[in-house]
N, C-alpha and C. Protein backbone atom coordinates (compact mmCIF):
# COMPACT_ATOMS: atom_id res chain seq x y z
N MET A 1 -70.19 69.67 91.08
CA MET A 1 -70.58 70.68 92.05
C MET A 1 -69.94 70.35 93.40
N SER A 2 -69.48 71.40 94.09
CA SER A 2 -68.95 71.24 95.43
C SER A 2 -69.61 72.27 96.34
N ILE A 3 -69.75 71.92 97.61
CA ILE A 3 -70.34 72.83 98.60
C ILE A 3 -69.37 72.93 99.78
N TYR A 4 -69.06 74.16 100.17
CA TYR A 4 -68.14 74.40 101.27
C TYR A 4 -68.79 75.29 102.33
N ARG A 5 -68.33 75.16 103.54
CA ARG A 5 -68.65 76.18 104.54
C ARG A 5 -67.85 77.42 104.18
N ASP A 6 -68.48 78.58 104.17
CA ASP A 6 -67.83 79.81 103.78
C ASP A 6 -67.41 80.57 105.05
N ARG A 7 -66.12 80.54 105.32
CA ARG A 7 -65.60 81.22 106.51
C ARG A 7 -64.96 82.55 106.17
N CYS A 8 -64.97 82.88 104.86
CA CYS A 8 -64.33 84.14 104.43
C CYS A 8 -65.25 85.34 104.63
N LEU A 9 -66.55 85.14 104.41
CA LEU A 9 -67.52 86.23 104.50
C LEU A 9 -68.55 85.91 105.57
N GLY A 10 -68.68 86.80 106.54
CA GLY A 10 -69.56 86.53 107.66
C GLY A 10 -71.03 86.42 107.31
N THR A 11 -71.45 87.06 106.20
CA THR A 11 -72.86 87.04 105.83
C THR A 11 -73.24 85.77 105.08
N ASN A 12 -72.26 85.01 104.61
CA ASN A 12 -72.54 83.75 103.94
C ASN A 12 -72.32 82.58 104.88
N GLU A 13 -73.05 81.50 104.63
CA GLU A 13 -72.85 80.29 105.40
C GLU A 13 -72.26 79.17 104.55
N LEU A 14 -72.57 79.21 103.24
CA LEU A 14 -72.09 78.16 102.35
C LEU A 14 -71.60 78.77 101.04
N GLU A 15 -70.67 78.10 100.41
CA GLU A 15 -70.22 78.46 99.07
C GLU A 15 -70.49 77.27 98.16
N VAL A 16 -71.22 77.52 97.08
CA VAL A 16 -71.50 76.48 96.10
C VAL A 16 -70.64 76.75 94.87
N THR A 17 -69.88 75.75 94.45
CA THR A 17 -68.99 75.87 93.30
C THR A 17 -69.45 74.90 92.22
N VAL A 18 -69.70 75.43 91.02
CA VAL A 18 -70.24 74.64 89.93
C VAL A 18 -69.31 74.74 88.72
N ASP A 19 -69.16 73.64 87.99
CA ASP A 19 -68.40 73.63 86.75
C ASP A 19 -69.38 73.73 85.59
N PRO A 20 -69.55 74.93 84.98
CA PRO A 20 -70.55 75.11 83.92
C PRO A 20 -70.31 74.23 82.70
N VAL A 21 -69.04 74.00 82.35
CA VAL A 21 -68.75 73.17 81.19
C VAL A 21 -69.24 71.74 81.42
N ALA A 22 -69.00 71.22 82.63
CA ALA A 22 -69.47 69.87 82.94
C ALA A 22 -70.99 69.81 82.94
N MET A 23 -71.63 70.90 83.42
CA MET A 23 -73.10 70.93 83.40
C MET A 23 -73.62 70.84 81.98
N ALA A 24 -72.98 71.59 81.07
CA ALA A 24 -73.42 71.59 79.68
C ALA A 24 -73.23 70.22 79.04
N GLN A 25 -72.16 69.53 79.43
CA GLN A 25 -71.88 68.21 78.87
C GLN A 25 -72.88 67.15 79.33
N MET A 26 -73.62 67.47 80.38
CA MET A 26 -74.63 66.53 80.87
C MET A 26 -75.83 66.45 79.94
N SER A 27 -75.95 67.43 79.04
CA SER A 27 -77.09 67.46 78.15
C SER A 27 -76.64 67.35 76.70
N SER A 28 -77.44 66.67 75.90
CA SER A 28 -77.15 66.56 74.47
C SER A 28 -77.94 67.58 73.66
N VAL A 29 -78.66 68.46 74.35
CA VAL A 29 -79.48 69.45 73.65
C VAL A 29 -78.58 70.46 72.96
N THR A 30 -78.78 70.68 71.68
CA THR A 30 -77.96 71.59 70.90
C THR A 30 -78.04 73.02 71.46
N GLY A 31 -76.89 73.63 71.63
CA GLY A 31 -76.83 75.02 72.08
C GLY A 31 -77.05 75.21 73.56
N ILE A 32 -77.12 74.14 74.32
CA ILE A 32 -77.46 74.28 75.75
C ILE A 32 -76.34 74.95 76.53
N GLN A 33 -75.07 74.77 76.08
CA GLN A 33 -73.96 75.30 76.85
C GLN A 33 -74.00 76.82 76.96
N ALA A 34 -74.48 77.47 75.90
CA ALA A 34 -74.54 78.93 75.92
C ALA A 34 -75.47 79.44 77.01
N ASN A 35 -76.44 78.61 77.43
CA ASN A 35 -77.41 79.04 78.42
C ASN A 35 -77.02 78.68 79.85
N VAL A 36 -75.97 77.87 80.01
CA VAL A 36 -75.59 77.45 81.36
C VAL A 36 -75.18 78.66 82.19
N TYR A 37 -74.32 79.51 81.63
CA TYR A 37 -73.88 80.69 82.37
C TYR A 37 -75.06 81.60 82.69
N GLY A 38 -75.99 81.71 81.74
CA GLY A 38 -77.17 82.53 81.97
C GLY A 38 -78.01 82.01 83.12
N TRP A 39 -78.21 80.70 83.16
CA TRP A 39 -79.01 80.10 84.23
C TRP A 39 -78.34 80.31 85.59
N LEU A 40 -77.04 80.06 85.65
CA LEU A 40 -76.30 80.24 86.90
C LEU A 40 -76.31 81.70 87.34
N GLY A 41 -76.10 82.61 86.38
CA GLY A 41 -76.10 84.02 86.72
C GLY A 41 -77.45 84.48 87.24
N HIS A 42 -78.53 83.94 86.66
CA HIS A 42 -79.87 84.29 87.09
C HIS A 42 -80.11 83.83 88.53
N GLN A 43 -79.68 82.60 88.84
CA GLN A 43 -79.85 82.10 90.20
C GLN A 43 -79.02 82.92 91.18
N ARG A 44 -77.80 83.26 90.78
CA ARG A 44 -76.94 84.07 91.65
C ARG A 44 -77.58 85.42 91.94
N ASP A 45 -78.12 86.05 90.89
CA ASP A 45 -78.72 87.37 91.06
C ASP A 45 -79.94 87.31 91.97
N GLN A 46 -80.68 86.20 91.91
CA GLN A 46 -81.89 86.08 92.72
C GLN A 46 -81.60 85.66 94.16
N LEU A 47 -80.58 84.82 94.36
CA LEU A 47 -80.40 84.17 95.65
C LEU A 47 -79.12 84.56 96.39
N GLN A 48 -78.14 85.09 95.68
CA GLN A 48 -76.84 85.31 96.29
C GLN A 48 -76.91 86.34 97.41
N ASN A 49 -76.20 86.04 98.49
CA ASN A 49 -76.15 86.97 99.61
C ASN A 49 -74.96 87.91 99.47
N GLU A 50 -73.81 87.36 99.13
CA GLU A 50 -72.62 88.18 98.93
C GLU A 50 -71.66 87.39 98.05
N THR A 51 -70.80 88.10 97.30
CA THR A 51 -69.90 87.44 96.37
C THR A 51 -68.99 86.46 97.09
N ALA A 52 -68.94 85.23 96.56
CA ALA A 52 -68.04 84.23 97.12
C ALA A 52 -66.61 84.54 96.68
N ARG A 53 -65.65 84.02 97.44
CA ARG A 53 -64.24 84.21 97.10
C ARG A 53 -63.63 82.87 96.73
N ASN A 54 -62.69 82.90 95.78
CA ASN A 54 -62.02 81.67 95.42
C ASN A 54 -61.30 81.09 96.63
N ARG A 55 -61.58 79.83 96.91
CA ARG A 55 -60.97 79.17 98.07
C ARG A 55 -59.48 78.96 97.84
N ILE A 56 -59.12 78.58 96.61
CA ILE A 56 -57.72 78.38 96.27
C ILE A 56 -57.39 79.35 95.15
N LYS A 57 -56.52 80.28 95.39
CA LYS A 57 -56.26 81.38 94.46
C LYS A 57 -55.85 80.87 93.08
N ASP A 58 -56.55 81.37 92.06
CA ASP A 58 -56.22 81.17 90.66
C ASP A 58 -56.26 79.72 90.19
N SER A 59 -56.87 78.82 90.94
CA SER A 59 -56.81 77.42 90.55
C SER A 59 -58.11 76.91 89.95
N ARG A 60 -59.18 77.76 89.95
CA ARG A 60 -60.46 77.24 89.48
C ARG A 60 -61.10 78.21 88.50
N ILE A 61 -60.38 78.56 87.45
CA ILE A 61 -60.89 79.59 86.55
C ILE A 61 -62.09 79.10 85.76
N ASN A 62 -62.37 77.80 85.79
CA ASN A 62 -63.51 77.28 85.04
C ASN A 62 -64.78 77.20 85.89
N THR A 63 -64.68 77.52 87.18
CA THR A 63 -65.83 77.31 88.05
C THR A 63 -66.62 78.59 88.26
N PHE A 64 -67.86 78.40 88.67
CA PHE A 64 -68.80 79.48 88.97
C PHE A 64 -69.08 79.40 90.46
N ASP A 65 -68.61 80.37 91.24
CA ASP A 65 -68.74 80.33 92.69
C ASP A 65 -69.85 81.26 93.16
N ILE A 66 -70.71 80.75 94.03
CA ILE A 66 -71.82 81.55 94.55
C ILE A 66 -71.86 81.40 96.07
N GLY A 67 -71.89 82.54 96.78
CA GLY A 67 -72.00 82.51 98.23
C GLY A 67 -73.46 82.58 98.65
N PHE A 68 -73.85 81.73 99.61
CA PHE A 68 -75.25 81.65 100.03
C PHE A 68 -75.39 81.64 101.55
N THR A 69 -76.55 82.09 101.99
CA THR A 69 -77.00 81.72 103.32
C THR A 69 -77.48 80.28 103.23
N LEU A 70 -77.73 79.64 104.35
CA LEU A 70 -78.20 78.26 104.32
C LEU A 70 -79.51 78.14 103.55
N ALA A 71 -80.43 79.07 103.80
CA ALA A 71 -81.72 79.03 103.12
C ALA A 71 -81.54 79.23 101.61
N GLY A 72 -80.64 80.15 101.23
CA GLY A 72 -80.39 80.38 99.82
C GLY A 72 -79.79 79.17 99.14
N ALA A 73 -78.86 78.49 99.83
CA ALA A 73 -78.24 77.29 99.27
C ALA A 73 -79.27 76.18 99.09
N GLN A 74 -80.18 76.03 100.06
CA GLN A 74 -81.22 75.01 99.94
C GLN A 74 -82.12 75.28 98.75
N GLU A 75 -82.48 76.56 98.53
CA GLU A 75 -83.33 76.90 97.39
C GLU A 75 -82.59 76.68 96.08
N PHE A 76 -81.29 77.03 96.04
CA PHE A 76 -80.51 76.81 94.82
C PHE A 76 -80.47 75.33 94.48
N LEU A 77 -80.24 74.48 95.48
CA LEU A 77 -80.17 73.04 95.23
C LEU A 77 -81.52 72.49 94.79
N ARG A 78 -82.61 73.07 95.32
CA ARG A 78 -83.93 72.65 94.88
C ARG A 78 -84.12 72.98 93.40
N ARG A 79 -83.73 74.18 93.01
CA ARG A 79 -83.85 74.59 91.61
C ARG A 79 -82.92 73.77 90.72
N PHE A 80 -81.73 73.49 91.24
CA PHE A 80 -80.76 72.71 90.48
C PHE A 80 -81.31 71.30 90.20
N ALA A 81 -81.92 70.71 91.23
CA ALA A 81 -82.50 69.37 91.06
C ALA A 81 -83.63 69.40 90.04
N LYS A 82 -84.46 70.43 90.08
CA LYS A 82 -85.57 70.54 89.12
C LYS A 82 -85.04 70.72 87.71
N MET A 83 -83.96 71.52 87.58
CA MET A 83 -83.38 71.76 86.28
C MET A 83 -82.84 70.48 85.65
N LEU A 84 -82.41 69.53 86.48
CA LEU A 84 -81.84 68.29 85.98
C LEU A 84 -82.88 67.19 85.74
N GLU A 85 -84.16 67.51 85.93
CA GLU A 85 -85.19 66.50 85.76
C GLU A 85 -85.24 65.98 84.33
N TRP A 86 -85.58 64.72 84.19
CA TRP A 86 -85.77 64.08 82.88
C TRP A 86 -86.90 64.78 82.12
N PRO A 87 -86.83 64.88 80.76
CA PRO A 87 -85.89 64.20 79.88
C PRO A 87 -84.58 64.94 79.65
N PHE A 88 -84.51 66.24 79.91
CA PHE A 88 -83.25 66.95 79.77
C PHE A 88 -83.38 68.26 80.54
N PRO A 89 -82.24 68.89 80.87
CA PRO A 89 -82.29 70.13 81.66
C PRO A 89 -83.06 71.24 80.96
N THR A 90 -83.74 72.04 81.73
CA THR A 90 -84.42 73.22 81.20
C THR A 90 -83.77 74.44 81.83
N TRP A 91 -83.07 75.19 81.04
CA TRP A 91 -82.30 76.33 81.54
C TRP A 91 -83.13 77.60 81.35
N GLU A 92 -84.20 77.71 82.07
CA GLU A 92 -85.14 78.81 81.84
C GLU A 92 -84.71 80.07 82.58
N ILE A 93 -84.64 81.17 81.87
CA ILE A 93 -84.37 82.47 82.47
C ILE A 93 -85.35 83.47 81.90
N ASP A 94 -85.61 84.54 82.63
CA ASP A 94 -86.59 85.51 82.15
C ASP A 94 -86.02 86.31 80.99
N PRO A 95 -86.87 86.84 80.11
CA PRO A 95 -86.42 87.54 78.91
C PRO A 95 -85.46 88.69 79.18
N ALA A 96 -85.74 89.49 80.22
CA ALA A 96 -84.88 90.64 80.51
C ALA A 96 -83.47 90.16 80.86
N HIS A 97 -83.39 89.11 81.67
CA HIS A 97 -82.08 88.59 82.04
C HIS A 97 -81.40 87.94 80.84
N ALA A 98 -82.19 87.32 79.98
CA ALA A 98 -81.63 86.72 78.77
C ALA A 98 -80.98 87.79 77.89
N ARG A 99 -81.63 88.95 77.78
CA ARG A 99 -81.05 90.04 76.98
C ARG A 99 -79.76 90.54 77.62
N LEU A 100 -79.76 90.64 78.95
CA LEU A 100 -78.56 91.08 79.66
C LEU A 100 -77.41 90.10 79.43
N MET A 101 -77.71 88.80 79.53
CA MET A 101 -76.68 87.79 79.35
C MET A 101 -76.18 87.76 77.92
N ALA A 102 -77.08 88.02 76.96
CA ALA A 102 -76.67 88.06 75.55
C ALA A 102 -75.70 89.22 75.33
N ALA A 103 -76.01 90.36 75.94
CA ALA A 103 -75.12 91.52 75.83
C ALA A 103 -73.78 91.24 76.49
N ARG A 104 -73.83 90.58 77.64
CA ARG A 104 -72.59 90.24 78.35
C ARG A 104 -71.73 89.29 77.50
N LYS A 105 -72.40 88.29 76.89
CA LYS A 105 -71.67 87.33 76.04
C LYS A 105 -71.04 88.04 74.86
N SER A 106 -71.77 88.97 74.26
CA SER A 106 -71.24 89.72 73.13
C SER A 106 -70.03 90.54 73.55
N ALA A 107 -70.08 91.13 74.74
CA ALA A 107 -68.95 91.92 75.24
C ALA A 107 -67.74 91.05 75.47
N VAL A 108 -67.96 89.86 76.06
CA VAL A 108 -66.85 88.94 76.30
C VAL A 108 -66.26 88.47 74.98
N ASP A 109 -67.13 88.12 74.01
CA ASP A 109 -66.66 87.70 72.68
C ASP A 109 -65.77 88.77 72.06
N HIS A 110 -66.21 90.03 72.19
CA HIS A 110 -65.45 91.14 71.60
C HIS A 110 -64.07 91.26 72.25
N MET A 111 -64.01 91.16 73.58
CA MET A 111 -62.73 91.29 74.27
C MET A 111 -61.80 90.14 73.92
N ILE A 112 -62.35 88.93 73.81
CA ILE A 112 -61.52 87.79 73.42
C ILE A 112 -60.96 87.98 72.02
N GLU A 113 -61.81 88.42 71.09
CA GLU A 113 -61.37 88.63 69.72
C GLU A 113 -60.28 89.68 69.65
N MET A 114 -60.43 90.79 70.40
CA MET A 114 -59.43 91.84 70.40
C MET A 114 -58.10 91.32 70.97
N ALA A 115 -58.18 90.46 71.99
CA ALA A 115 -56.96 89.91 72.60
C ALA A 115 -56.22 89.04 71.60
N TYR A 116 -56.95 88.18 70.89
CA TYR A 116 -56.30 87.32 69.91
C TYR A 116 -55.73 88.12 68.75
N GLN A 117 -56.43 89.17 68.33
CA GLN A 117 -55.92 90.01 67.26
C GLN A 117 -54.63 90.73 67.69
N ALA A 118 -54.64 91.22 68.93
CA ALA A 118 -53.44 91.91 69.44
C ALA A 118 -52.28 90.93 69.55
N ALA A 119 -52.57 89.70 70.00
CA ALA A 119 -51.51 88.70 70.12
C ALA A 119 -50.97 88.33 68.75
N ALA A 120 -51.84 88.21 67.76
CA ALA A 120 -51.41 87.84 66.41
C ALA A 120 -50.55 88.92 65.77
N ALA A 121 -50.86 90.18 66.10
CA ALA A 121 -50.13 91.30 65.49
C ALA A 121 -48.84 91.63 66.23
N SER A 122 -48.67 91.12 67.43
CA SER A 122 -47.51 91.48 68.23
C SER A 122 -46.25 90.82 67.70
N GLY A 123 -45.13 91.46 67.95
CA GLY A 123 -43.85 90.91 67.53
C GLY A 123 -43.55 91.08 66.06
N THR A 124 -44.46 91.75 65.33
CA THR A 124 -44.25 91.95 63.90
C THR A 124 -43.37 93.17 63.66
N HIS A 125 -42.68 93.20 62.52
CA HIS A 125 -41.76 94.29 62.21
C HIS A 125 -42.47 95.38 61.42
N ARG A 126 -42.47 96.58 62.01
CA ARG A 126 -42.94 97.73 61.27
C ARG A 126 -41.79 98.74 61.32
N VAL A 127 -42.08 99.99 61.66
CA VAL A 127 -41.00 100.94 61.87
C VAL A 127 -40.20 100.53 63.10
N GLU A 128 -40.91 99.94 64.07
CA GLU A 128 -40.29 99.41 65.27
C GLU A 128 -40.88 98.04 65.53
N VAL A 129 -40.28 97.31 66.42
CA VAL A 129 -40.77 95.97 66.74
C VAL A 129 -41.81 96.08 67.85
N ALA A 130 -43.02 95.63 67.56
CA ALA A 130 -44.08 95.70 68.56
C ALA A 130 -43.79 94.71 69.68
N LYS A 131 -44.27 95.04 70.88
CA LYS A 131 -44.07 94.15 72.02
C LYS A 131 -44.76 92.81 71.78
N LYS A 132 -44.11 91.74 72.23
CA LYS A 132 -44.65 90.40 72.07
C LYS A 132 -45.73 90.17 73.11
N LYS A 133 -46.93 89.81 72.64
CA LYS A 133 -48.05 89.51 73.54
C LYS A 133 -48.57 88.12 73.20
N GLU A 134 -48.85 87.33 74.21
CA GLU A 134 -49.36 85.98 74.00
C GLU A 134 -50.64 85.77 74.80
N VAL A 135 -51.52 84.94 74.27
CA VAL A 135 -52.69 84.50 75.02
C VAL A 135 -52.31 83.19 75.69
N ARG A 136 -52.14 83.22 77.00
CA ARG A 136 -51.62 82.07 77.72
C ARG A 136 -52.71 81.35 78.50
N PHE A 137 -53.75 80.96 77.79
CA PHE A 137 -54.79 80.11 78.36
C PHE A 137 -54.82 78.82 77.55
N ALA A 138 -55.15 77.73 78.21
CA ALA A 138 -55.12 76.43 77.54
C ALA A 138 -56.12 76.34 76.40
N SER A 139 -57.21 77.08 76.51
CA SER A 139 -58.25 77.04 75.49
C SER A 139 -59.04 78.34 75.53
N LYS A 140 -59.79 78.58 74.46
CA LYS A 140 -60.64 79.77 74.43
C LYS A 140 -61.73 79.66 75.50
N GLU A 141 -62.15 78.44 75.83
CA GLU A 141 -63.17 78.25 76.87
C GLU A 141 -62.65 78.70 78.22
N GLN A 142 -61.38 78.37 78.54
CA GLN A 142 -60.79 78.82 79.79
C GLN A 142 -60.65 80.34 79.80
N PHE A 143 -60.26 80.89 78.67
CA PHE A 143 -60.14 82.35 78.53
C PHE A 143 -61.49 83.00 78.80
N ARG A 144 -62.53 82.46 78.16
CA ARG A 144 -63.88 82.99 78.34
C ARG A 144 -64.32 82.91 79.80
N ALA A 145 -64.09 81.77 80.44
CA ALA A 145 -64.51 81.59 81.83
C ALA A 145 -63.85 82.63 82.74
N HIS A 146 -62.58 82.92 82.48
CA HIS A 146 -61.88 83.90 83.31
C HIS A 146 -62.45 85.30 83.10
N ILE A 147 -62.73 85.67 81.85
CA ILE A 147 -63.30 86.99 81.58
C ILE A 147 -64.70 87.10 82.16
N GLU A 148 -65.47 86.00 82.13
CA GLU A 148 -66.80 86.01 82.74
C GLU A 148 -66.70 86.39 84.22
N VAL A 149 -65.68 85.86 84.89
CA VAL A 149 -65.48 86.19 86.31
C VAL A 149 -65.10 87.66 86.46
N LEU A 150 -64.20 88.14 85.60
CA LEU A 150 -63.77 89.54 85.68
C LEU A 150 -64.93 90.50 85.43
N LEU A 151 -65.89 90.08 84.59
CA LEU A 151 -67.01 90.96 84.23
C LEU A 151 -68.23 90.69 85.09
N ARG A 152 -68.07 89.89 86.14
CA ARG A 152 -69.22 89.56 87.00
C ARG A 152 -69.89 90.81 87.52
N GLU A 153 -69.10 91.78 87.96
CA GLU A 153 -69.61 93.09 88.34
C GLU A 153 -69.19 94.05 87.23
N PRO A 154 -70.11 94.53 86.38
CA PRO A 154 -69.75 95.33 85.21
C PRO A 154 -69.33 96.76 85.56
N VAL A 155 -68.21 96.89 86.24
CA VAL A 155 -67.66 98.20 86.56
C VAL A 155 -66.19 98.22 86.16
N CYS A 156 -65.70 99.39 85.81
CA CYS A 156 -64.30 99.56 85.42
C CYS A 156 -63.40 99.26 86.62
N ALA A 157 -62.42 98.40 86.43
CA ALA A 157 -61.55 97.99 87.54
C ALA A 157 -60.71 99.14 88.08
N ILE A 158 -60.48 100.17 87.28
CA ILE A 158 -59.64 101.28 87.72
C ILE A 158 -60.46 102.45 88.23
N THR A 159 -61.48 102.88 87.48
CA THR A 159 -62.24 104.07 87.87
C THR A 159 -63.51 103.74 88.65
N LYS A 160 -63.94 102.47 88.60
CA LYS A 160 -65.19 102.01 89.23
C LYS A 160 -66.43 102.58 88.54
N LEU A 161 -66.29 103.15 87.35
CA LEU A 161 -67.44 103.62 86.60
C LEU A 161 -68.21 102.42 86.04
N PRO A 162 -69.55 102.52 85.95
CA PRO A 162 -70.33 101.42 85.35
C PRO A 162 -69.95 101.23 83.89
N LEU A 163 -69.83 99.99 83.47
CA LEU A 163 -69.51 99.69 82.08
C LEU A 163 -70.79 99.53 81.27
N ASP A 164 -70.74 99.90 80.02
CA ASP A 164 -71.88 99.78 79.11
C ASP A 164 -71.68 98.53 78.25
N ILE A 165 -72.22 97.39 78.71
CA ILE A 165 -72.01 96.14 77.97
C ILE A 165 -72.85 96.07 76.70
N SER A 166 -73.75 97.06 76.51
CA SER A 166 -74.52 97.11 75.28
C SER A 166 -73.76 97.82 74.16
N PHE A 167 -72.62 98.44 74.51
CA PHE A 167 -71.78 99.17 73.56
C PHE A 167 -72.51 100.38 72.97
N THR A 168 -73.52 100.89 73.68
CA THR A 168 -74.20 102.11 73.24
C THR A 168 -73.27 103.30 73.37
N ASP A 169 -72.59 103.40 74.52
CA ASP A 169 -71.56 104.41 74.72
C ASP A 169 -70.22 103.70 74.60
N LEU A 170 -69.58 103.83 73.45
CA LEU A 170 -68.36 103.07 73.18
C LEU A 170 -67.23 103.41 74.15
N GLU A 171 -67.21 104.64 74.67
CA GLU A 171 -66.14 105.01 75.59
C GLU A 171 -66.26 104.26 76.92
N LEU A 172 -67.48 103.85 77.26
CA LEU A 172 -67.70 103.11 78.50
C LEU A 172 -67.87 101.62 78.26
N ALA A 173 -67.63 101.17 77.02
CA ALA A 173 -67.72 99.74 76.71
C ALA A 173 -66.59 98.99 77.41
N PRO A 174 -66.81 97.74 77.80
CA PRO A 174 -65.76 96.97 78.48
C PRO A 174 -64.59 96.68 77.56
N SER A 175 -63.40 96.81 78.10
CA SER A 175 -62.18 96.58 77.33
C SER A 175 -61.21 95.78 78.20
N LEU A 176 -60.61 94.76 77.61
CA LEU A 176 -59.69 93.90 78.36
C LEU A 176 -58.31 94.54 78.41
N ASP A 177 -57.82 94.75 79.62
CA ASP A 177 -56.55 95.44 79.82
C ASP A 177 -55.56 94.53 80.52
N ARG A 178 -54.30 94.59 80.09
CA ARG A 178 -53.22 93.90 80.79
C ARG A 178 -52.68 94.83 81.87
N ARG A 179 -52.78 94.42 83.10
CA ARG A 179 -52.31 95.27 84.20
C ARG A 179 -50.85 95.66 84.00
N ASN A 180 -50.04 94.68 83.69
CA ASN A 180 -48.65 94.95 83.32
C ASN A 180 -48.60 94.92 81.80
N SER A 181 -48.40 96.08 81.20
CA SER A 181 -48.45 96.19 79.74
C SER A 181 -47.33 95.40 79.06
N ASN A 182 -46.30 95.05 79.81
CA ASN A 182 -45.23 94.24 79.24
C ASN A 182 -45.50 92.75 79.38
N GLY A 183 -46.60 92.43 80.04
CA GLY A 183 -46.95 91.03 80.25
C GLY A 183 -47.86 90.50 79.17
N HIS A 184 -48.45 89.35 79.43
CA HIS A 184 -49.25 88.65 78.43
C HIS A 184 -50.72 88.57 78.88
N TYR A 185 -51.55 88.04 78.00
CA TYR A 185 -52.95 87.76 78.34
C TYR A 185 -52.96 86.46 79.14
N GLU A 186 -52.84 86.58 80.44
CA GLU A 186 -52.73 85.40 81.28
C GLU A 186 -53.36 85.67 82.64
N LEU A 187 -53.57 84.60 83.36
CA LEU A 187 -54.18 84.68 84.67
C LEU A 187 -53.38 85.60 85.58
N GLY A 188 -54.06 86.51 86.26
CA GLY A 188 -53.41 87.42 87.19
C GLY A 188 -52.95 88.73 86.58
N ASN A 189 -52.99 88.83 85.23
CA ASN A 189 -52.53 90.06 84.59
C ASN A 189 -53.64 90.76 83.81
N LEU A 190 -54.89 90.36 84.05
CA LEU A 190 -55.99 90.92 83.28
C LEU A 190 -57.00 91.63 84.16
N GLN A 191 -57.61 92.66 83.61
CA GLN A 191 -58.70 93.36 84.27
C GLN A 191 -59.58 93.95 83.18
N VAL A 192 -60.84 94.19 83.51
CA VAL A 192 -61.77 94.80 82.55
C VAL A 192 -61.95 96.26 82.94
N VAL A 193 -61.69 97.15 81.99
CA VAL A 193 -61.80 98.59 82.23
C VAL A 193 -62.66 99.21 81.13
N ALA A 194 -63.02 100.46 81.31
CA ALA A 194 -63.71 101.20 80.25
C ALA A 194 -62.75 101.42 79.10
N ARG A 195 -63.27 101.46 77.88
CA ARG A 195 -62.41 101.58 76.71
C ARG A 195 -61.55 102.84 76.76
N PHE A 196 -62.13 103.96 77.21
CA PHE A 196 -61.35 105.20 77.25
C PHE A 196 -60.21 105.09 78.25
N VAL A 197 -60.44 104.34 79.34
CA VAL A 197 -59.40 104.15 80.35
C VAL A 197 -58.26 103.33 79.77
N ASN A 198 -58.59 102.28 79.02
CA ASN A 198 -57.57 101.45 78.39
C ASN A 198 -56.73 102.28 77.43
N ARG A 199 -57.41 103.16 76.68
CA ARG A 199 -56.70 104.01 75.72
C ARG A 199 -55.79 105.00 76.45
N TRP A 200 -56.31 105.61 77.51
CA TRP A 200 -55.51 106.58 78.26
C TRP A 200 -54.33 105.91 78.97
N LYS A 201 -54.58 104.75 79.52
CA LYS A 201 -53.52 104.04 80.26
C LYS A 201 -52.41 103.62 79.32
N SER A 202 -52.77 103.12 78.15
CA SER A 202 -51.80 102.71 77.13
C SER A 202 -50.73 101.81 77.77
N ASP A 203 -49.47 102.22 77.71
CA ASP A 203 -48.37 101.41 78.25
C ASP A 203 -47.94 101.87 79.64
N ASP A 204 -48.72 102.74 80.26
CA ASP A 204 -48.33 103.28 81.56
C ASP A 204 -48.34 102.19 82.62
N ASP A 205 -47.54 102.43 83.65
CA ASP A 205 -47.51 101.52 84.80
C ASP A 205 -48.85 101.58 85.53
N GLN A 206 -49.37 100.42 85.94
CA GLN A 206 -50.68 100.34 86.59
C GLN A 206 -50.76 101.22 87.83
N ALA A 207 -49.76 101.13 88.69
CA ALA A 207 -49.79 101.90 89.93
C ALA A 207 -49.74 103.40 89.66
N ASN A 208 -48.92 103.81 88.70
CA ASN A 208 -48.82 105.24 88.39
C ASN A 208 -50.10 105.76 87.78
N PHE A 209 -50.71 104.98 86.88
CA PHE A 209 -51.95 105.42 86.26
C PHE A 209 -53.06 105.53 87.31
N GLN A 210 -53.13 104.55 88.23
CA GLN A 210 -54.13 104.61 89.29
C GLN A 210 -53.91 105.84 90.16
N ARG A 211 -52.64 106.17 90.42
CA ARG A 211 -52.32 107.37 91.21
C ARG A 211 -52.85 108.62 90.51
N LEU A 212 -52.66 108.71 89.19
CA LEU A 212 -53.11 109.88 88.45
C LEU A 212 -54.64 109.97 88.44
N ILE A 213 -55.29 108.83 88.28
CA ILE A 213 -56.76 108.81 88.30
C ILE A 213 -57.27 109.28 89.66
N ASP A 214 -56.62 108.82 90.74
CA ASP A 214 -57.03 109.23 92.08
C ASP A 214 -56.83 110.73 92.28
N LEU A 215 -55.75 111.28 91.72
CA LEU A 215 -55.52 112.72 91.81
C LEU A 215 -56.62 113.50 91.11
N VAL A 216 -56.99 113.04 89.92
CA VAL A 216 -58.07 113.69 89.17
C VAL A 216 -59.39 113.61 89.95
N ARG A 217 -59.64 112.44 90.54
CA ARG A 217 -60.88 112.26 91.29
C ARG A 217 -60.97 113.21 92.47
N ARG A 218 -59.83 113.44 93.12
CA ARG A 218 -59.81 114.34 94.29
C ARG A 218 -59.68 115.81 93.89
N GLY A 219 -59.42 116.05 92.58
CA GLY A 219 -59.26 117.42 92.12
C GLY A 219 -57.95 118.04 92.55
N ALA A 220 -56.95 117.16 92.85
CA ALA A 220 -55.66 117.67 93.32
C ALA A 220 -54.73 117.94 92.15
């Protein structure tokens, strides 16, 4: 864990940065790692003043950053210390938030699986040669951590429509999109959009597709 003075956002006083994987490794309790993100997300939702910004661009995809007022940071550290009490951490979250986090995890799992399937199928010979797509993350855990950050606010990156992480409305379900369709699944080239937006965008240029969406929004 690291704590910084937050000079990027005027409403925050401190930024707390936590490595969830390292937190999970502190405990030998089976299945505890799956709850680390849930516990951190719950604390963020209860105490966060405003979204923290990465201090060093693209260099900490495994970390969980939370912006706090001084009072909020003190309360977070109090809860963090209690969570680490012997004999082992207790990652307690309320049932409603647990259901939300389970749905979020399922959505992230689905996007990761679709990315790997697309990468595996790319470059194969059919009537034409499909574009080569690669997953350029060191591990699935790093890939997951990055998507968790992208899905922190469950809204479509292009239209700003709310995403349905429960997959009840499949057209509004989260879908992992490559901003540059000729690029790969890698840091800086990914965004989460509604499934219908991903389908409509297809191989179109990001800037041009955004322009068309803006025209539709304005009715021009």
